[in-house]
Protein backbone atom coordinates (compact mmCIF):
# COMPACT_ATOMS: atom_id res chain seq x y z
CA MET A 1 16.04 -28.36 26.23
CA ILE A 2 13.60 -25.41 25.93
CA ALA A 3 14.80 -21.70 25.10
CA ASN A 4 12.88 -18.81 24.62
CA THR A 5 13.41 -16.85 21.15
CA ASP A 6 13.57 -13.05 21.08
CA CYS A 7 11.68 -12.75 17.68
CA PRO A 8 11.65 -9.39 15.47
CA GLN A 9 8.01 -8.30 14.71
CA ILE A 10 6.99 -5.57 11.38
CA ASP A 11 4.29 -3.47 12.29
CA SER A 12 2.17 -2.38 9.39
CA ASN A 13 4.10 0.88 9.66
CA GLY A 14 7.35 -0.89 8.57
CA ASN A 15 8.78 -0.31 11.33
CA GLN A 16 10.32 -2.78 13.64
CA ARG A 17 10.09 -4.24 16.93
CA ARG A 18 11.13 -7.24 19.23
CA LYS A 19 8.85 -9.11 21.23
CA PHE A 20 9.29 -12.90 23.18
CA MET A 21 6.98 -14.59 20.61
CA SER A 22 7.09 -18.28 21.26
CA LYS A 23 9.37 -20.88 23.30
CA ILE A 24 11.17 -23.45 21.27
CA LEU A 25 11.17 -26.96 22.00
CA ALA A 26 13.86 -29.07 20.75
CA VAL A 27 13.82 -32.74 21.54
CA GLY A 28 15.53 -35.59 19.73
CA GLY A 29 16.94 -32.65 17.29
CA LEU A 30 13.90 -31.56 16.55
CA GLY A 31 12.32 -28.09 16.76
CA LEU A 32 8.93 -27.66 18.25
CA VAL A 33 7.66 -23.83 17.96
CA LEU A 34 5.14 -23.23 20.42
CA GLY A 35 2.58 -20.08 19.57
CA LYS A 36 2.20 -17.94 16.59
CA LEU A 37 5.50 -16.67 15.38
CA ILE A 38 4.22 -14.70 12.64
CA PRO A 39 0.68 -12.70 13.44
CA ARG A 40 -2.18 -12.92 11.29
CA SER A 41 -2.19 -9.15 9.94
CA ALA A 42 1.85 -9.01 9.56
CA GLU A 43 3.00 -7.40 6.07
CA ALA A 44 6.40 -7.90 4.57
CA LYS A 45 7.14 -4.73 4.78
CA VAL A 46 10.79 -3.10 5.77
CA ASP A 47 11.20 0.38 6.17
CA GLY A 48 7.31 0.82 4.62
CA ARG A 49 8.38 -1.02 1.68
CA TYR A 50 6.93 -4.22 0.62
CA THR A 51 10.59 -6.69 0.15
CA ASN A 52 8.73 -9.16 -2.10
CA SER A 53 8.02 -6.98 -5.16
CA MET A 54 10.69 -4.96 -5.69
CA PRO A 55 13.01 -2.89 -8.08
CA ASN A 56 16.49 -3.62 -8.51
CA VAL A 57 19.48 -1.18 -7.63
CA LYS A 58 21.85 0.73 -9.39
CA THR A 59 25.07 -0.71 -9.83
CA SER A 60 27.87 -0.77 -13.11
CA PHE A 61 25.94 -4.42 -14.35
CA THR A 62 22.16 -2.78 -13.89
CA LYS A 63 20.77 -1.28 -17.30
CA ARG A 64 17.92 -0.26 -16.52
CA LEU A 65 16.29 0.24 -12.86
CA GLU A 66 12.87 -2.02 -13.34
CA TYR A 67 10.01 -3.41 -11.53
CA PRO A 68 8.66 -7.24 -11.44
CA GLU A 69 5.87 -7.22 -13.98
CA VAL A 70 3.35 -9.41 -13.34
CA ASN A 71 -0.11 -10.48 -14.42
CA PRO A 72 -3.21 -10.05 -12.05
CA THR A 73 -3.63 -13.34 -12.17
CA ALA A 74 -0.70 -14.36 -10.85
CA TYR A 75 -0.23 -14.85 -7.05
CA VAL A 76 3.29 -14.43 -5.02
CA HIS A 77 3.42 -14.98 -1.25
CA PRO A 78 4.10 -12.56 1.11
CA LEU A 79 7.20 -14.81 2.32
CA ALA A 80 9.08 -14.98 -1.46
CA SER A 81 10.70 -12.31 -2.73
CA VAL A 82 10.04 -11.20 -6.39
CA ILE A 83 12.73 -8.38 -7.51
CA GLY A 84 14.03 -6.52 -10.77
CA SER A 85 13.37 -7.47 -14.17
CA VAL A 86 10.84 -10.34 -13.68
CA TYR A 87 7.40 -10.95 -15.78
CA LEU A 88 5.27 -13.45 -14.50
CA GLY A 89 2.59 -15.28 -16.69
CA LYS A 90 -1.09 -15.66 -16.41
CA ARG A 91 -2.16 -17.92 -13.13
CA VAL A 92 2.00 -18.02 -12.08
CA MET A 93 2.38 -19.39 -8.57
CA VAL A 94 5.15 -18.10 -6.22
CA SER A 95 5.20 -20.00 -3.14
CA PRO A 96 6.68 -18.97 0.53
CA CYS A 97 10.94 -19.21 0.65
CA ALA A 98 10.77 -18.65 -3.37
CA SER A 99 13.59 -16.30 -4.52
CA VAL A 100 13.07 -14.93 -8.36
CA ARG A 101 15.89 -12.46 -8.66
CA GLY A 102 16.06 -10.24 -11.33
CA ASP A 103 18.74 -7.69 -10.17
CA GLU A 104 21.97 -9.36 -11.65
CA GLY A 105 21.30 -11.22 -15.09
CA THR A 106 18.06 -10.14 -16.66
CA PRO A 107 15.67 -10.49 -17.87
CA ILE A 108 13.57 -13.27 -16.11
CA TYR A 109 10.59 -14.69 -17.58
CA ILE A 110 7.95 -17.45 -16.73
CA GLY A 111 5.44 -18.18 -18.62
CA ASP A 112 1.76 -18.48 -17.99
CA ASN A 113 0.73 -21.48 -15.42
CA SER A 114 3.82 -22.07 -14.36
CA ASN A 115 4.75 -22.62 -10.62
CA VAL A 116 7.94 -21.83 -8.51
CA GLN A 117 7.50 -23.94 -5.64
CA ASP A 118 8.69 -23.75 -1.70
CA CYS A 119 13.03 -22.28 -1.41
CA CYS A 120 13.04 -22.04 -5.42
CA VAL A 121 15.47 -20.22 -6.50
CA LEU A 122 15.59 -18.12 -10.36
CA HIS A 123 18.97 -15.94 -10.82
CA ALA A 124 21.40 -15.50 -13.09
CA LEU A 125 24.72 -14.53 -14.38
CA GLU A 126 25.15 -10.69 -15.15
CA THR A 127 24.24 -9.74 -18.77
CA TRP A 128 25.33 -6.02 -18.46
CA GLU A 129 28.22 -4.18 -17.39
CA ALA A 130 29.96 -0.73 -17.45
CA GLY A 131 27.55 -0.32 -20.54
CA HIS A 132 28.00 -3.14 -22.99
CA GLU A 133 25.65 -6.27 -23.10
CA VAL A 134 27.41 -10.12 -21.70
CA SER A 135 25.93 -12.29 -24.78
CA LYS A 136 27.89 -15.25 -23.44
CA ASN A 137 24.68 -15.25 -20.70
CA LEU A 138 21.72 -14.09 -22.87
CA PHE A 139 19.18 -16.74 -24.85
CA THR A 140 17.15 -16.00 -27.72
CA VAL A 141 13.81 -17.30 -27.35
CA ASN A 142 11.42 -16.25 -29.56
CA GLY A 143 13.43 -13.29 -31.08
CA LYS A 144 14.18 -11.64 -27.80
CA LYS A 145 16.99 -12.04 -25.51
CA TYR A 146 16.11 -14.03 -21.76
CA ALA A 147 19.09 -14.88 -18.76
CA VAL A 148 16.58 -17.04 -17.85
CA TYR A 149 13.14 -18.17 -19.83
CA LEU A 150 10.57 -20.20 -18.36
CA GLY A 151 7.80 -21.56 -20.90
CA LYS A 152 4.45 -22.29 -20.13
CA ASN A 153 3.02 -24.88 -17.50
CA VAL A 154 6.69 -25.35 -16.13
CA SER A 155 7.30 -26.68 -12.22
CA MET A 156 10.21 -25.97 -10.17
CA ALA A 157 9.08 -28.03 -7.62
CA HIS A 158 10.81 -27.67 -4.22
CA GLN A 159 14.00 -26.34 -3.47
CA SER A 160 15.29 -26.58 -7.31
CA GLN A 161 17.08 -24.15 -8.79
CA VAL A 162 17.12 -22.61 -12.87
CA HIS A 163 20.62 -20.65 -12.38
CA GLY A 164 21.02 -18.00 -16.04
CA PRO A 165 22.03 -18.38 -18.89
CA ALA A 166 19.16 -20.89 -18.72
CA VAL A 167 15.91 -22.30 -20.97
CA VAL A 168 13.69 -24.33 -20.26
CA GLY A 169 10.93 -24.98 -22.53
CA ASN A 170 7.04 -25.86 -22.46
CA HIS A 171 5.28 -28.61 -19.88
CA VAL A 172 8.44 -29.44 -17.90
CA PHE A 173 8.63 -30.64 -14.51
CA VAL A 174 12.20 -29.74 -12.66
CA GLY A 175 12.09 -32.17 -9.63
CA MET A 176 13.19 -31.19 -5.79
CA GLN A 177 16.38 -30.36 -5.75
CA ALA A 178 17.22 -30.09 -9.10
CA LEU A 179 19.72 -27.72 -10.71
CA VAL A 180 19.79 -26.17 -14.38
CA PHE A 181 22.66 -24.23 -15.34
CA LYS A 182 24.14 -22.59 -18.13
CA SER A 183 21.52 -25.21 -19.78
CA VAL A 184 18.55 -25.54 -22.28
CA ILE A 185 16.00 -27.84 -21.47
CA GLY A 186 13.37 -28.70 -24.40
CA SER A 187 9.46 -28.84 -23.99
CA ASN A 188 7.86 -31.73 -22.10
CA CYS A 189 10.96 -32.81 -20.49
CA VAL A 190 11.71 -34.38 -16.73
CA ILE A 191 14.12 -33.48 -14.45
CA GLU A 192 13.69 -35.81 -11.70
CA PRO A 193 14.83 -34.63 -8.20
CA GLY A 194 18.28 -34.49 -7.70
CA ALA A 195 19.98 -33.87 -11.04
CA LYS A 196 22.00 -31.26 -11.90
CA VAL A 197 22.05 -30.23 -15.48
CA VAL A 198 25.15 -27.57 -16.49
CA GLY A 199 26.19 -27.02 -19.86
CA VAL A 200 24.15 -28.89 -22.27
CA LYS A 201 21.07 -29.11 -24.29
CA VAL A 202 18.57 -31.48 -23.62
CA ALA A 203 16.25 -32.42 -26.53
CA ASP A 204 12.48 -32.38 -26.67
CA GLY A 205 10.40 -35.19 -24.74
CA HIS A 206 13.46 -37.18 -22.56
CA TYR A 207 13.74 -37.39 -18.68
CA VAL A 208 16.84 -37.09 -16.84
CA PRO A 209 17.11 -39.83 -14.87
CA MET A 210 17.45 -38.87 -10.49
CA GLY A 211 20.71 -37.91 -9.22
CA THR A 212 22.59 -37.23 -12.11
CA VAL A 213 25.01 -35.15 -12.77
CA LEU A 214 24.81 -33.87 -16.78
CA ASN A 215 27.59 -31.86 -17.46
CA LYS A 216 28.28 -33.72 -21.39
CA GLN A 217 26.39 -32.89 -24.58
CA ALA A 218 26.81 -36.58 -25.18
CA ASP A 219 25.31 -38.01 -22.05
CA ALA A 220 23.00 -35.36 -22.71
CA ASP A 221 22.40 -36.72 -26.13
CA ALA A 222 22.13 -39.90 -24.98
CA LEU A 223 18.91 -39.49 -22.51
CA PRO A 224 16.37 -42.04 -22.39
CA ARG A 225 13.20 -40.79 -24.16
CA ILE A 226 9.58 -40.40 -22.26
CA THR A 227 7.81 -43.09 -23.52
CA GLU A 228 3.51 -44.22 -22.30
CA ALA A 229 5.51 -46.54 -19.34
CA TYR A 230 7.84 -43.79 -18.42
CA PRO A 231 5.82 -43.44 -14.19
CA PHE A 232 6.29 -39.70 -14.56
CA ARG A 233 4.97 -38.98 -17.54
CA LYS A 234 1.65 -36.89 -16.13
CA LEU A 235 3.28 -35.98 -13.29
CA ASN A 236 3.68 -32.30 -14.42
CA SER A 237 0.09 -31.91 -15.65
CA GLY A 238 -1.00 -32.86 -12.08
CA VAL A 239 1.08 -30.31 -10.76
CA VAL A 240 0.59 -27.16 -12.83
CA HIS A 241 -3.35 -28.56 -12.18
CA VAL A 242 -2.92 -27.99 -8.05
CA ASN A 243 -1.40 -24.94 -8.76
CA VAL A 244 -3.19 -22.48 -10.96
CA GLN A 245 -5.81 -23.42 -8.66
CA LEU A 246 -3.60 -22.23 -6.07
CA ALA A 247 -2.96 -19.35 -7.56
CA ASP A 248 -6.30 -18.37 -8.31
CA GLY A 249 -7.99 -19.53 -4.84
CA TYR A 250 -5.13 -16.70 -3.00
CA ASN A 251 -5.74 -14.04 -5.14
CA GLY A 252 -9.49 -14.85 -4.39
CA LYS A 253 -10.92 -16.19 -6.61
CA LEU A 254 -13.02 -19.70 -7.63
CA PRO A 255 -10.68 -21.83 -10.44
CA VAL A 256 -12.25 -22.22 -13.46
CA GLU A 257 -11.40 -26.30 -12.52
CA MET A 258 -14.10 -25.85 -10.36
CA SER A 259 -16.85 -24.78 -12.76
CA GLY A 260 -19.87 -27.12 -11.95
CA HIS A 261 -18.67 -28.41 -8.57
CA HIS A 262 -20.84 -28.12 -5.65
């Protein structure tokens, strides 16, 4: 079946208009997009405001209005959203359709060289209500309180979620469609694809097997350690290696990893 699609466009002044942009051809349930859906000059604007980097709004659970703090070497794709009380460190890569939303639980911190891949979500339960801190929804890291804290060299693979209150240590891989909620993940860990980690602490150097539902501390204490024989032991370092260079490249810079290459 062929159907015309009347798609909205947003012009350079932030005004929305409609135009027949493409046709969608459905063959055996597979949609094939014909033509360009988004013009090369399109920008992520609505009513003249950039939607992919904006402050939070006034609510009963808003302590203050804040814009994201983004290191100049980080890159946020125009189709991603970074909102409110969010910090992005050096060479952080935020890919298309990711949502980093610091407008309920705050702040959200993402450390140097970390990556938030396509369709990932970082969000948190409220940390402030009617002028009072909601301390149960905060974790303290290095003397500061956070709704969500991701350390350095953390990878959030496609469609994964870290929902605060949550802490993820350094050098951690959060696999595709995995969930971390109300939990603390130590450093040098792997959360394999599809695993759900809720309400526990995972010690440094352990992995959560694929598809596991981990919601009891006794089970978290019994997790297997990452050894030389573990097949995903070096996975995260490779993912970080790729994504820091993507951040550099999309920022129009030659990655330092290419020094000496011709």
